[in-house]
């Protein structure tokens, strides 16, 4: 039994995301990015031309933009976080 079939009809506790509407381990195109959800809290976000694979969560990202801009603005969300949140239909 895979994770999706075990969780059908339930929601992710932390974000209230309907699990049965979002497939984990599936790539999603968001603009020029590909979001590959490893879990509902972790994604690998890749530029369309496959230059970089970034580990992204709902609140953090490996990209340089996030690392530098989040120091000045604690609420900053880079385009990788925004893409992941759009796949999960959050915000």
Protein backbone atom coordinates (compact mmCIF):
# COMPACT_ATOMS: atom_id res chain seq x y z
CA UNK A 1 0.00 0.00 0.00
CA UNK A 2 1.54 3.32 -1.06
CA UNK A 3 1.41 6.56 0.95
CA UNK A 4 -1.28 8.07 -1.27
CA UNK A 5 -3.68 5.16 -0.80
CA UNK A 6 -3.10 5.11 2.98
CA UNK A 7 -3.92 8.81 3.25
CA UNK A 8 -6.91 9.11 0.92
CA UNK A 9 -9.50 11.50 2.24
CA UNK A 10 -7.27 12.81 5.03
CA UNK A 11 -5.52 16.15 5.20
CA UNK A 12 -1.98 17.08 6.10
CA UNK A 13 -2.19 18.24 9.70
CA UNK A 14 0.26 21.11 9.44
CA UNK A 15 -1.17 22.81 6.34
CA UNK A 16 -4.71 21.40 5.86
CA UNK A 17 -3.83 20.28 2.33
CA UNK A 18 -6.10 17.59 0.82
CA UNK A 19 -3.66 14.75 0.21
CA UNK A 20 -5.82 13.00 -2.38
CA UNK A 21 -5.64 16.04 -4.70
CA UNK A 22 -1.83 16.25 -4.69
CA UNK A 23 0.42 13.42 -5.80
CA UNK A 24 3.72 13.01 -3.99
CA UNK A 25 6.67 11.81 -6.11
CA UNK A 26 5.19 13.55 -9.16
CA UNK A 27 6.73 16.49 -11.03
CA UNK A 28 4.63 19.65 -11.49
CA UNK A 29 5.49 22.44 -13.92
CA UNK A 30 5.16 25.92 -12.43
CA UNK A 31 6.30 28.52 -14.94
CA UNK A 32 9.96 27.82 -15.72
CA UNK A 33 10.34 25.56 -12.66
CA UNK A 34 9.61 21.89 -12.03
CA UNK A 35 8.46 21.09 -8.49
CA UNK A 36 9.00 17.46 -7.46
CA UNK A 37 7.26 16.80 -4.15
CA UNK A 38 9.18 14.28 -2.04
CA UNK A 39 6.68 14.78 0.80
CA UNK A 40 4.06 17.42 1.56
CA UNK A 41 6.76 19.34 3.47
CA UNK A 42 9.78 18.84 1.16
CA UNK A 43 10.27 19.39 -2.55
CA UNK A 44 13.09 19.40 -5.06
CA UNK A 45 12.66 22.43 -7.28
CA UNK A 46 14.52 22.40 -10.57
CA UNK A 47 14.92 25.13 -13.18
CA UNK A 48 13.33 23.99 -16.43
CA UNK A 49 16.77 23.71 -18.08
CA UNK A 50 17.96 21.48 -15.19
CA UNK A 51 20.73 23.83 -14.07
CA UNK A 52 20.02 23.52 -10.35
CA UNK A 53 18.11 21.18 -8.06
CA UNK A 54 17.19 22.99 -4.85
CA UNK A 55 15.86 21.49 -1.66
CA UNK A 56 12.82 23.56 -0.75
CA UNK A 57 10.34 23.48 2.11
CA UNK A 58 7.34 25.70 2.78
CA UNK A 59 9.57 28.12 4.69
CA UNK A 60 13.18 27.61 3.48
CA UNK A 61 15.17 27.08 0.29
CA UNK A 62 18.78 26.34 -0.66
CA UNK A 63 18.90 29.13 -3.24
CA UNK A 64 21.21 32.11 -2.78
CA UNK A 65 18.35 34.57 -3.12
CA UNK A 66 16.52 33.09 -0.14
CA UNK A 67 19.65 32.79 1.99
CA UNK A 68 20.53 36.46 1.55
CA UNK A 69 17.10 38.11 1.35
CA UNK A 70 15.61 36.19 4.29
CA UNK A 71 18.23 37.73 6.58
CA UNK A 72 16.68 41.16 6.00
CA UNK A 73 13.06 40.02 5.66
CA UNK A 74 12.00 37.03 7.77
CA UNK A 75 8.83 36.66 5.65
CA UNK A 76 10.66 36.57 2.30
CA UNK A 77 9.62 33.76 -0.07
CA UNK A 78 11.77 33.03 -3.11
CA UNK A 79 10.23 31.84 -6.36
CA UNK A 80 10.99 28.22 -5.42
CA UNK A 81 8.99 28.43 -2.18
CA UNK A 82 6.18 30.23 -4.02
CA UNK A 83 6.15 27.48 -6.69
CA UNK A 84 5.98 24.73 -4.06
CA UNK A 85 3.19 26.56 -2.22
CA UNK A 86 1.25 26.96 -5.47
CA UNK A 87 1.45 23.20 -6.16
CA UNK A 88 0.16 22.55 -2.64
CA UNK A 89 -2.53 25.23 -3.14
CA UNK A 90 -1.34 27.21 -0.11
CA UNK A 91 -1.78 31.00 -0.26
